[in-house]
Protein backbone atom coordinates (compact mmCIF):
# COMPACT_ATOMS: atom_id res chain seq x y z
CA MET A 1 32.45 -80.65 -19.84
CA THR A 2 28.93 -81.92 -19.61
CA MET A 3 26.77 -82.56 -16.15
CA SER A 4 25.98 -85.98 -17.69
CA GLY A 5 24.27 -88.23 -14.66
CA PHE A 6 25.05 -85.62 -12.26
CA GLY A 7 21.79 -84.97 -10.82
CA VAL A 8 19.78 -84.04 -7.56
CA THR A 9 20.86 -87.28 -5.67
CA GLU A 10 24.90 -86.22 -6.77
CA PHE A 11 24.29 -82.82 -5.81
CA GLN A 12 22.53 -83.50 -2.11
CA LEU A 13 25.80 -86.35 -2.03
CA VAL A 14 27.75 -82.63 -2.10
CA LEU A 15 25.92 -80.19 0.23
CA LEU A 16 26.04 -83.86 3.01
CA ARG A 17 29.75 -83.88 2.19
CA ARG A 18 30.62 -80.21 4.07
CA MET A 19 27.83 -81.67 6.82
CA GLU A 20 30.04 -84.58 7.37
CA ASP A 21 32.32 -82.74 9.64
CA TYR A 22 30.04 -81.85 12.24
CA GLN A 23 27.44 -84.47 11.42
CA PRO A 24 28.33 -87.91 10.05
CA GLU A 25 25.73 -89.69 12.25
CA LEU A 26 23.25 -88.10 10.39
CA VAL A 27 24.92 -87.85 6.66
CA GLU A 28 25.35 -91.56 6.99
CA ASP A 29 21.48 -92.33 7.80
CA ALA A 30 20.59 -89.70 4.78
CA ARG A 31 22.74 -91.46 2.28
CA ARG A 32 21.33 -94.46 3.10
CA ARG A 33 17.86 -93.21 2.43
CA LEU A 34 19.40 -91.83 -1.17
CA GLY A 35 20.87 -95.52 -1.83
CA VAL A 36 24.11 -94.29 -2.14
CA ASP A 37 27.45 -95.59 -0.33
CA HIS A 38 30.54 -93.33 1.28
CA THR A 39 32.68 -94.13 -2.30
CA GLY A 40 29.38 -92.86 -4.46
CA GLN A 41 29.46 -89.59 -1.94
CA ARG A 42 33.31 -89.08 -2.70
CA ARG A 43 32.44 -90.08 -6.60
CA ALA A 44 30.32 -87.36 -6.51
CA ASN A 45 32.69 -84.50 -4.41
CA ALA A 46 35.42 -85.39 -6.72
CA PHE A 47 33.23 -85.26 -9.83
CA TRP A 48 31.66 -81.30 -8.54
CA GLN A 49 35.20 -80.17 -7.43
CA SER A 50 36.40 -80.89 -11.13
CA THR A 51 33.80 -78.39 -12.44
CA GLU A 52 35.08 -75.99 -10.04
CA ARG A 53 38.24 -75.88 -11.78
CA SER A 54 37.56 -76.74 -15.56
CA ARG A 55 37.18 -74.05 -17.61
CA ARG A 56 34.87 -76.29 -19.73
CA ALA A 57 32.26 -76.79 -17.26
CA PRO A 58 29.09 -74.68 -17.25
CA ARG A 59 28.59 -72.19 -14.63
CA GLY A 60 26.26 -69.97 -12.35
CA LEU A 61 22.80 -70.51 -12.68
CA HIS A 62 23.65 -72.17 -15.91
CA ARG A 63 24.98 -75.19 -14.16
CA TYR A 64 22.04 -75.45 -11.39
CA ARG A 65 19.54 -75.78 -14.02
CA LEU A 66 21.45 -78.73 -15.52
CA VAL A 67 21.69 -80.76 -12.15
CA LEU A 68 18.38 -79.41 -10.27
CA GLY A 69 16.40 -78.93 -13.92
CA GLU A 70 14.23 -75.66 -14.28
CA PRO A 71 13.91 -73.62 -10.38
CA VAL A 72 10.55 -73.75 -9.30
CA GLY A 73 10.24 -70.15 -8.72
CA GLU A 74 12.24 -67.55 -9.00
CA SER A 75 11.35 -63.99 -7.30
CA GLU A 76 12.93 -60.65 -7.88
CA VAL A 77 15.07 -58.92 -4.40
CA ARG A 78 16.86 -55.59 -3.55
CA ILE A 79 19.39 -55.64 -1.37
CA GLY A 80 20.64 -52.22 -0.13
CA ASP A 81 20.77 -50.52 -3.44
CA LEU A 82 21.55 -53.68 -5.59
CA PRO A 83 18.57 -56.05 -7.74
CA CYS A 84 18.70 -59.31 -7.44
CA ARG A 85 17.07 -62.34 -8.06
CA VAL A 86 16.53 -65.65 -5.89
CA PHE A 87 15.91 -69.07 -7.75
CA HIS A 88 14.90 -72.22 -5.78
CA TRP A 89 14.43 -75.69 -5.89
CA TYR A 90 13.37 -78.45 -3.58
CA LEU A 91 15.35 -81.42 -2.36
CA PRO A 92 13.98 -84.75 -1.41
CA LEU A 93 16.26 -84.44 1.79
CA TRP A 94 14.99 -81.86 3.22
CA PRO A 95 11.09 -81.89 2.45
CA ASP A 96 10.29 -78.58 4.61
CA LEU A 97 13.06 -76.73 2.65
CA ARG A 98 14.08 -75.46 -0.23
CA TRP A 99 17.56 -74.58 -2.01
CA GLU A 100 17.77 -70.73 -3.46
CA VAL A 101 20.24 -69.63 -5.25
CA LEU A 102 20.78 -65.18 -5.03
CA THR A 103 22.17 -63.91 -8.49
CA ALA A 104 23.63 -60.46 -8.24
CA ALA A 105 22.39 -57.72 -11.12
CA ASN A 106 24.89 -59.50 -13.74
CA GLY A 107 23.68 -62.57 -13.45
CA SER A 108 26.60 -64.24 -11.41
CA VAL A 109 25.86 -66.41 -8.79
CA VAL A 110 26.45 -64.79 -5.08
CA ASN A 111 25.15 -67.44 -2.26
CA GLY A 112 23.37 -70.63 -2.29
CA TRP A 113 22.05 -72.42 0.52
CA LEU A 114 18.79 -73.91 2.58
CA ALA A 115 16.28 -71.86 3.76
CA ARG A 116 12.65 -71.78 4.51
CA GLU A 117 9.48 -71.51 2.34
CA ARG A 118 8.91 -67.79 1.95
CA GLY A 119 6.07 -67.54 4.09
CA GLY A 120 6.28 -71.14 5.61
CA SER A 121 6.32 -71.45 9.92
CA VAL A 122 9.08 -71.27 11.60
CA PRO A 123 9.43 -74.37 13.96
CA ALA A 124 9.43 -73.90 17.44
CA LEU A 125 12.89 -73.82 18.12
CA PRO A 126 14.30 -73.96 22.59
CA ALA A 127 14.43 -71.16 24.47
CA GLY A 128 17.97 -72.33 25.98
CA GLY A 129 19.02 -71.98 22.67
CA ARG A 130 20.50 -75.65 21.41
CA PRO A 131 18.27 -76.34 18.76
CA GLU A 132 18.39 -80.08 17.22
CA PRO A 133 21.42 -80.29 14.42
CA TRP A 134 19.60 -80.40 11.29
CA SER A 135 15.80 -78.65 12.93
CA CYS A 136 16.19 -75.05 11.52
CA VAL A 137 17.97 -72.67 9.04
CA ILE A 138 19.23 -69.14 9.94
CA GLY A 139 16.32 -67.40 8.79
CA ASP A 140 14.51 -69.51 12.03
CA MET A 141 16.83 -67.86 14.80
CA GLU A 142 16.25 -64.30 13.43
CA LYS A 143 13.27 -64.81 14.45
CA THR A 144 13.39 -66.54 17.53
CA TYR A 145 16.61 -65.27 19.04
CA ALA A 146 17.95 -61.98 20.31
CA ASP A 147 21.18 -60.02 19.19
CA VAL A 148 21.63 -61.82 16.22
CA ARG A 149 25.11 -61.71 14.47
CA HIS A 150 26.58 -63.19 10.91
CA LEU A 151 30.11 -63.98 11.84
CA GLU A 152 32.54 -65.05 9.15
CA GLY A 153 33.01 -69.06 8.51
CA ASP A 154 35.74 -70.90 8.78
CA ALA A 155 34.89 -72.45 4.69
CA PRO A 156 32.42 -70.51 2.16
CA SER A 157 30.03 -73.50 2.67
CA ARG A 158 29.93 -72.61 6.23
CA TRP A 159 28.78 -69.59 8.42
CA HIS A 160 28.46 -69.04 12.54
CA VAL A 161 25.57 -67.10 13.75
CA ALA A 162 26.11 -65.71 17.62
CA TYR A 163 22.75 -65.05 19.65
CA THR A 164 21.19 -64.37 23.54
CA THR A 165 18.80 -66.81 24.42
CA PRO A 166 15.84 -65.63 26.27
CA GLY A 167 17.66 -66.32 29.27
CA GLY A 168 20.45 -63.74 28.44
CA GLU A 169 22.93 -66.54 27.64
CA PRO A 170 25.05 -65.76 24.28
CA ARG A 171 25.42 -68.56 22.46
CA LEU A 172 26.92 -69.41 18.88
CA ALA A 173 25.53 -71.88 16.09
CA ARG A 174 27.53 -72.96 13.12
CA PHE A 175 26.09 -73.48 9.71
CA VAL A 176 26.43 -75.60 6.72
CA TYR A 177 24.76 -74.70 3.69
CA GLY A 178 21.99 -72.15 6.04
CA LEU A 179 21.65 -75.14 7.91
CA VAL A 180 22.54 -75.69 11.70
CA GLN A 181 25.06 -77.99 12.36
CA THR A 182 26.05 -77.77 15.91
CA THR A 183 25.49 -74.85 18.83
CA GLU A 184 27.33 -74.21 21.66
CA ALA A 185 28.14 -71.25 24.48
CA ARG A 186 29.59 -68.58 23.32
CA GLY A 187 32.85 -67.13 25.35
CA LYS A 188 35.26 -64.46 23.11
CA PRO A 189 34.18 -64.77 19.33
CA THR A 190 37.10 -66.11 17.40
CA THR A 191 36.24 -65.15 14.13
CA ARG A 192 35.70 -61.65 12.86
CA SER A 193 32.71 -60.05 11.42
CA ARG A 194 32.11 -59.83 7.73
CA ALA A 195 31.24 -56.02 7.83
CA GLY A 196 35.48 -55.36 7.06
CA GLY A 197 35.74 -58.37 4.81
CA GLU A 198 35.52 -59.44 1.85
CA ALA A 199 34.36 -57.83 -1.25
CA HIS A 200 30.47 -56.66 -1.80
CA GLU A 201 30.57 -56.61 2.14
CA GLY A 202 27.21 -55.13 1.55
CA ILE A 203 25.56 -58.49 0.01
CA ARG A 204 23.51 -60.37 2.05
CA GLY A 205 21.74 -63.09 1.78
CA SER A 206 17.69 -63.63 0.90
CA ARG A 207 17.35 -64.37 5.08
CA GLY A 208 19.83 -61.46 6.14
CA ALA A 209 22.83 -63.76 6.67
CA PRO A 210 25.50 -62.87 4.43
CA ALA A 211 25.63 -63.78 1.13
CA ARG A 212 28.69 -65.75 -0.37
CA ALA A 213 30.20 -62.91 -2.82
CA ARG A 214 33.37 -64.41 -4.59
CA SER A 215 32.17 -65.89 -7.02
CA THR A 216 30.50 -69.47 -7.84
CA ARG A 217 33.13 -71.42 -6.47
CA THR A 218 31.98 -70.54 -3.34
CA THR A 219 28.67 -72.54 -3.59
CA PRO A 220 27.74 -76.10 -4.47
C-alpha cells in the first residue's frame, strides 16, 4: 500500500477531523482555506484509517516522511532515563506551531502533536483561564497557569489538562493533537490520571504532557 496522492493537505484534514467534534465552525473555515469540502475531508480520513489497518502500509516515522517530506529538524531528548528523538515539520494551517513526532530509542513513534516552536514566545493567555479555541498548545498552558496536571483523554488524540487560574479557580482544558479546543470550570475529575494507566507510563511528550505510548496507531 502506498501513500501516493496523500500529502500535507490531506494530513491536515485528518487532524481537523478529530477537532471537528469540538470546533466544527473553525474546522469548516480551515477546510475552505485548504480548498477542500467535507467529502474530501472524509475521503482523506478514510484513507488514513485504512493505512492504520493495513499490514502493507508504511509505519512509524517512514510514513510521516512519505506524507510530509523530510523533517525540517530533529533533536535528541531524554525522558527520564530513556533516550528519544523529536522530529518536526511545519503545517500551513498553523504557521506559528510545528508538528512534532517523538520516537523512542527503537525508532517507534510514541507521540505526535502540535507544539510551539522551541524558544518561541508564549502567547499572553487570559488570567481568567479561558483561552480561545486553537489559541495555544499544552506547553503554553504549563508556562502560564499553576497546578497543571495531565489527565487521560477520552480518545488517543485527546488530552485533558487540569489547571488553576491566578484567581484560584480550578479549570479543565481539552486538547486535540496538543491544540486547545475548549475550557470549562473543573469540579470533581471524571478522567483518571495517566500515572497509573498505560504501558510506558513514564514516557512523556517533549513539552511535558503524556506521550502516546501504545503504537503508531495512536497518532495520525
